[in-house]
Amino acid sequence: MAVGNAKTLAKLVVVTLGMFGFGFALVPFYYKICEVTGINSGAEQSLAKNSHVDASRWVTLEFDANINAALPWQFKPVQRSLKVHPGELVQMEYEVVNTGDRPVVGRAVPSYGPARAAAFIKKIECFCFTPQTLAAGESRRMPVMFVLDPAMDPDIHTVTLSYTFFSVDGKTQADGLQEGASRG
């Protein structure tokens, strides 16, 4: 009986060592897949490479917030404007409140003014990347973190970041369209 237990224990040790080795082999494999597919090579990596701040000029950032009529939310930037040097890390927040009586899912769509400035905004974190679910009466602060590329056209002195929240819930959108039709 002891010989059978020894063989089982030996197999268990070999399987455990194999799994441990496989786990270590996955790390370089993961990095290679990311490199080939371009996954995980976003703004975080480019931010680390580009630490140049253009202290010779200022850009005024203006923040705007809008809500689609079908969404029972209040939405506003915590700060309306900010002066920054291109290349500086910018972090600010928007505040949202669900004023409805049930949970609602919304998604923000960004827009920029002037439109040509969009190519120079490198987002690191943004609530617009994922749908946001707010319970009835829930309020939340949502961060936006980005960098203005120092290569931005020098004649751009003001950039407006505008976000519009739309309902992801089809019922809420249909209700809003019916309300709009009955008013119109």
Protein backbone atom coordinates (compact mmCIF):
# COMPACT_ATOMS: atom_id res chain seq x y z
CA MET A 1 0.00 0.00 0.00
CA ALA A 2 2.91 2.38 0.76
CA VAL A 3 4.30 1.92 -2.77
CA GLY A 4 0.97 3.05 -4.28
CA ASN A 5 0.91 6.14 -2.04
CA ALA A 6 4.51 6.97 -2.98
CA LYS A 7 3.68 6.76 -6.72
CA THR A 8 0.59 8.95 -6.24
CA LEU A 9 2.62 11.46 -4.25
CA ALA A 10 5.34 11.49 -6.94
CA LYS A 11 2.72 12.13 -9.67
CA LEU A 12 1.22 14.92 -7.57
CA VAL A 13 4.65 16.55 -7.11
CA VAL A 14 5.38 16.31 -10.87
CA VAL A 15 1.97 17.82 -11.76
CA THR A 16 2.44 20.61 -9.19
CA LEU A 17 5.92 21.46 -10.51
CA GLY A 18 4.57 21.37 -14.07
CA MET A 19 1.76 23.77 -13.21
CA PHE A 20 4.18 26.08 -11.42
CA GLY A 21 6.52 26.11 -14.44
CA PHE A 22 3.61 26.67 -16.80
CA GLY A 23 2.55 29.70 -14.74
CA PHE A 24 6.02 31.24 -15.13
CA ALA A 25 6.02 30.50 -18.87
CA LEU A 26 2.71 32.35 -19.31
CA VAL A 27 4.17 35.75 -18.36
CA PRO A 28 6.53 36.13 -21.36
CA PHE A 29 3.90 34.48 -23.54
CA TYR A 30 1.35 37.10 -22.41
CA TYR A 31 3.74 39.97 -23.16
CA LYS A 32 4.47 38.57 -26.62
CA ILE A 33 0.75 38.27 -27.41
CA CYS A 34 0.20 41.86 -26.24
CA GLU A 35 3.10 43.06 -28.38
CA VAL A 36 1.85 41.28 -31.51
CA THR A 37 -1.82 42.25 -31.13
CA GLY A 38 -1.28 45.76 -29.78
CA ILE A 39 -3.32 45.00 -26.66
CA ASN A 40 -2.26 46.83 -23.50
CA SER A 41 -0.17 49.33 -25.42
CA GLY A 42 -2.42 52.31 -24.74
CA ALA A 43 -1.97 55.70 -23.20
CA GLU A 44 -0.30 54.40 -20.03
CA GLN A 45 2.73 53.21 -21.97
CA SER A 46 2.94 56.30 -24.18
CA LEU A 47 2.59 58.49 -21.07
CA ALA A 48 5.56 56.77 -19.49
CA LYS A 49 7.66 57.40 -22.62
CA ASN A 50 6.56 61.02 -23.00
CA SER A 51 7.32 62.94 -19.84
CA HIS A 52 8.02 66.22 -21.68
CA VAL A 53 6.03 69.15 -20.33
CA ASP A 54 5.93 72.29 -22.47
CA ALA A 55 6.19 74.89 -19.70
CA SER A 56 6.50 77.69 -22.25
CA ARG A 57 2.77 77.73 -22.98
CA TRP A 58 -0.61 77.41 -21.30
CA VAL A 59 -3.80 75.82 -22.57
CA THR A 60 -7.18 76.52 -21.01
CA LEU A 61 -9.32 73.42 -20.63
CA GLU A 62 -13.07 73.91 -20.46
CA PHE A 63 -15.31 71.09 -19.23
CA ASP A 64 -18.89 70.63 -20.39
CA ALA A 65 -21.59 68.09 -19.42
CA ASN A 66 -24.84 67.19 -21.17
CA ILE A 67 -27.63 64.66 -20.64
CA ASN A 68 -29.89 63.09 -23.24
CA ALA A 69 -33.54 63.98 -22.46
CA ALA A 70 -34.37 60.29 -21.85
CA LEU A 71 -31.94 60.01 -18.94
CA PRO A 72 -33.16 61.07 -15.46
CA TRP A 73 -29.73 62.24 -14.33
CA GLN A 74 -28.01 65.45 -13.31
CA PHE A 75 -24.48 65.67 -14.64
CA LYS A 76 -21.83 68.39 -14.25
CA PRO A 77 -18.06 68.89 -14.07
CA VAL A 78 -16.73 69.52 -10.56
CA GLN A 79 -14.52 72.24 -12.06
CA ARG A 80 -15.57 74.24 -15.16
CA SER A 81 -12.09 75.20 -16.40
CA LEU A 82 -8.43 74.66 -15.74
CA LYS A 83 -5.14 76.05 -17.10
CA VAL A 84 -2.41 73.48 -17.85
CA HIS A 85 0.88 73.10 -19.66
CA PRO A 86 0.80 70.60 -22.54
CA GLY A 87 2.38 67.36 -21.32
CA GLU A 88 1.09 67.73 -17.75
CA LEU A 89 -1.05 64.99 -16.29
CA VAL A 90 -4.59 66.35 -15.87
CA GLN A 91 -7.03 64.79 -13.44
CA MET A 92 -10.51 66.12 -12.82
CA GLU A 93 -13.94 64.77 -11.92
CA TYR A 94 -17.52 64.91 -13.08
CA GLU A 95 -20.44 64.49 -10.73
CA VAL A 96 -23.56 62.54 -11.66
CA VAL A 97 -26.84 61.91 -9.79
CA ASN A 98 -29.65 59.55 -10.76
CA THR A 99 -32.77 61.56 -9.98
CA GLY A 100 -35.06 58.74 -11.15
CA ASP A 101 -36.86 56.12 -9.09
CA ARG A 102 -35.10 53.08 -10.57
CA PRO A 103 -31.58 51.99 -11.58
CA VAL A 104 -30.46 53.35 -14.94
CA VAL A 105 -27.49 52.52 -17.16
CA GLY A 106 -25.90 55.39 -19.08
CA ARG A 107 -22.92 55.78 -21.33
CA ALA A 108 -20.98 58.96 -22.01
CA VAL A 109 -19.87 60.00 -25.46
CA PRO A 110 -17.00 62.50 -25.57
CA SER A 111 -16.53 65.34 -28.02
CA TYR A 112 -13.82 67.97 -28.30
CA GLY A 113 -13.56 71.51 -29.48
CA PRO A 114 -11.82 72.37 -31.63
CA ALA A 115 -12.19 68.98 -33.31
CA ARG A 116 -8.51 68.90 -34.34
CA ALA A 117 -7.51 68.93 -30.66
CA ALA A 118 -8.98 65.42 -30.23
CA ALA A 119 -5.86 63.81 -31.73
CA PHE A 120 -3.73 65.39 -28.99
CA ILE A 121 -5.78 64.26 -25.96
CA LYS A 122 -4.32 61.04 -24.56
CA LYS A 123 -6.84 59.59 -22.12
CA ILE A 124 -5.58 57.37 -19.33
CA GLU A 125 -8.78 56.97 -17.33
CA CYS A 126 -12.32 57.95 -18.29
CA PHE A 127 -15.84 57.03 -17.27
CA CYS A 128 -16.72 57.12 -20.97
CA PHE A 129 -14.92 53.81 -21.51
CA THR A 130 -17.68 51.78 -19.79
CA PRO A 131 -21.42 51.99 -19.19
CA GLN A 132 -22.29 53.47 -15.78
CA THR A 133 -25.09 51.98 -13.67
CA LEU A 134 -26.60 54.25 -11.04
CA ALA A 135 -29.21 53.11 -8.53
CA ALA A 136 -32.22 55.34 -7.85
CA GLY A 137 -30.98 58.43 -6.00
CA GLU A 138 -27.31 57.40 -6.27
CA SER A 139 -24.66 60.06 -6.81
CA ARG A 140 -21.11 59.46 -7.93
CA ARG A 141 -17.92 61.30 -8.80
CA MET A 142 -16.24 59.98 -11.91
CA PRO A 143 -12.61 60.76 -12.76
CA VAL A 144 -11.09 61.71 -16.08
CA MET A 145 -7.31 61.54 -16.41
CA PHE A 146 -5.46 62.57 -19.56
CA VAL A 147 -2.48 64.39 -21.03
CA LEU A 148 -2.46 67.02 -23.76
CA ASP A 149 0.27 66.02 -26.18
CA PRO A 150 2.96 68.76 -26.28
CA ALA A 151 2.95 68.36 -30.07
CA MET A 152 -0.51 69.94 -30.15
CA ASP A 153 -0.79 72.84 -32.60
CA PRO A 154 0.64 75.93 -30.88
CA ASP A 155 -2.29 78.07 -32.09
CA ILE A 156 -4.74 76.06 -29.95
CA HIS A 157 -5.12 77.97 -26.69
CA THR A 158 -8.46 76.59 -25.45
CA VAL A 159 -9.74 73.01 -25.57
CA THR A 160 -13.28 72.02 -24.58
CA LEU A 161 -13.97 68.49 -23.37
CA SER A 162 -17.67 67.79 -23.59
CA TYR A 163 -19.42 64.60 -22.47
CA THR A 164 -23.02 63.69 -23.26
CA PHE A 165 -24.64 60.83 -21.34
CA PHE A 166 -27.15 58.64 -23.17
CA SER A 167 -29.33 55.92 -21.70
CA VAL A 168 -28.18 52.39 -22.51
CA ASP A 169 -31.55 51.02 -21.31
CA GLY A 170 -33.82 50.75 -24.37
CA LYS A 171 -37.00 51.30 -22.30
CA THR A 172 -35.74 54.63 -20.96
CA GLN A 173 -34.78 55.75 -24.47
CA ALA A 174 -38.21 54.78 -25.83
CA ASP A 175 -39.93 56.65 -22.97
CA GLY A 176 -37.86 59.75 -23.73
CA LEU A 177 -38.74 59.61 -27.43
CA GLN A 178 -42.45 59.27 -26.63
CA GLU A 179 -42.26 62.25 -24.23
CA GLY A 180 -40.48 64.28 -26.93
CA ALA A 181 -43.11 63.32 -29.54
CA SER A 182 -46.01 64.26 -27.26
CA ARG A 183 -44.42 67.65 -26.50
CA GLY A 184 -43.46 68.38 -30.10
